Protein backbone atom coordinates (compact mmCIF):
# COMPACT_ATOMS: atom_id res chain seq x y z
CA MET A 1 7.68 -11.88 13.78
CA ASP A 2 5.68 -13.27 11.91
CA ALA A 3 3.42 -11.31 9.35
CA THR A 4 0.14 -10.68 11.49
CA ALA A 5 2.35 -9.41 14.90
CA LEU A 6 4.12 -7.30 12.03
CA GLU A 7 1.09 -6.03 10.66
CA GLN A 8 -0.19 -5.35 14.38
CA LYS A 9 3.28 -3.18 14.88
CA ALA A 10 2.58 -1.09 11.92
CA ASN A 11 -1.10 -0.24 12.48
CA GLU A 12 -0.08 0.70 15.93
CA LEU A 13 3.17 2.98 14.17
CA VAL A 14 0.22 4.36 12.12
CA SER A 15 -2.02 4.93 14.92
CA LYS A 16 0.80 7.23 16.59
CA GLY A 17 1.77 9.07 13.48
CA GLN A 18 4.72 7.47 12.52
CA ILE A 19 3.85 6.88 9.22
CA GLU A 20 7.21 5.84 7.71
CA ASP A 21 8.37 3.59 10.35
CA ALA A 22 5.06 1.68 9.91
CA ILE A 23 5.92 1.09 5.92
CA GLY A 24 9.24 -0.19 7.23
CA TYR A 25 6.90 -3.07 8.99
CA TYR A 26 4.37 -3.32 6.01
CA GLN A 27 7.76 -3.49 3.77
CA LYS A 28 8.88 -7.01 5.61
CA ILE A 29 5.73 -8.55 5.97
CA LEU A 30 5.96 -8.09 1.40
CA ARG A 31 9.66 -9.71 1.75
CA GLU A 32 7.27 -12.45 3.11
CA ARG A 33 4.08 -12.18 1.70
CA PRO A 34 5.51 -10.45 -2.15
CA GLN A 35 1.90 -11.17 -3.81
CA ASP A 36 -0.08 -9.59 -0.71
CA LEU A 37 -1.88 -6.91 -2.84
CA ARG A 38 -3.61 -5.89 0.75
CA ILE A 39 -0.52 -5.17 2.02
CA ARG A 40 1.07 -3.22 -0.85
CA LYS A 41 -2.16 -0.98 -1.13
CA THR A 42 -2.08 0.07 2.67
CA ILE A 43 1.46 1.13 2.02
CA ALA A 44 0.47 3.06 -1.01
CA ASP A 45 -1.78 4.68 1.04
CA GLN A 46 0.86 5.55 3.78
CA TYR A 47 2.57 6.88 1.22
CA LEU A 48 0.04 9.30 -0.11
CA ARG A 49 -0.22 10.38 3.37
CA LEU A 50 3.40 11.62 3.77
CA SER A 51 2.44 13.37 0.34
CA ASP A 52 5.03 11.17 -1.29
CA ASN A 53 3.43 10.78 -4.63
CA GLY A 54 5.66 9.17 -6.66
CA ARG A 55 6.28 5.99 -4.34
CA ALA A 56 2.47 5.82 -3.95
CA ARG A 57 1.67 5.94 -7.57
CA ARG A 58 4.46 3.03 -7.74
CA TYR A 59 2.60 0.90 -5.29
CA TYR A 60 -0.95 1.61 -6.37
CA ILE A 61 0.35 0.46 -10.16
CA GLU A 62 0.95 -2.63 -8.58
CA VAL A 63 -1.50 -3.20 -6.60
CA ILE A 64 -3.97 -2.69 -9.70
CA ASP A 65 -1.31 -4.99 -11.88
CA GLY A 66 -1.91 -7.56 -9.42
CA HIS A 67 -5.76 -7.58 -9.50
CA MET A 68 -5.94 -7.39 -13.24
CA ALA A 69 -3.63 -10.20 -13.55
CA LYS A 70 -6.63 -11.93 -11.18
CA GLY A 71 -9.42 -10.64 -13.01
CA ASN A 72 -10.78 -8.21 -10.45
CA TYR A 73 -11.50 -5.40 -12.77
CA ARG A 74 -13.87 -3.90 -10.47
CA VAL A 75 -11.53 -3.50 -7.46
CA VAL A 76 -9.18 -1.67 -9.60
CA ILE A 77 -11.48 1.23 -10.17
CA PRO A 78 -11.16 3.12 -7.18
CA ILE A 79 -7.10 2.73 -7.29
CA TYR A 80 -7.92 4.32 -10.94
CA ARG A 81 -9.63 6.98 -9.07
CA THR A 82 -6.53 7.74 -6.81
CA LEU A 83 -4.25 8.00 -9.51
CA LEU A 84 -6.34 10.12 -11.17
CA LYS A 85 -6.05 12.21 -8.40
CA LEU A 86 -2.41 12.61 -7.65
CA ASP A 87 -2.03 13.10 -11.76
CA GLN A 88 -4.01 16.50 -10.65
CA LYS A 89 -1.37 17.25 -8.51
């Protein structure tokens, strides 16, 4: 399966509420495209939906680091806000 098909399957699983299975498909995409920050953030969002704050935090930090390295500073502000909310829980 190519990355597009994997993402479609993952999105379908998310819509059915099968979050853990969807994360597996998203992680397969990362094995093909390890620098894909959009998929990495999607994984973080799904872990957050599962209340797995530790894993969500890890992926959010990876997304922040990737965007900072590219100079995309404005993109990280909402992600930092999400992290701050996680820290308050």
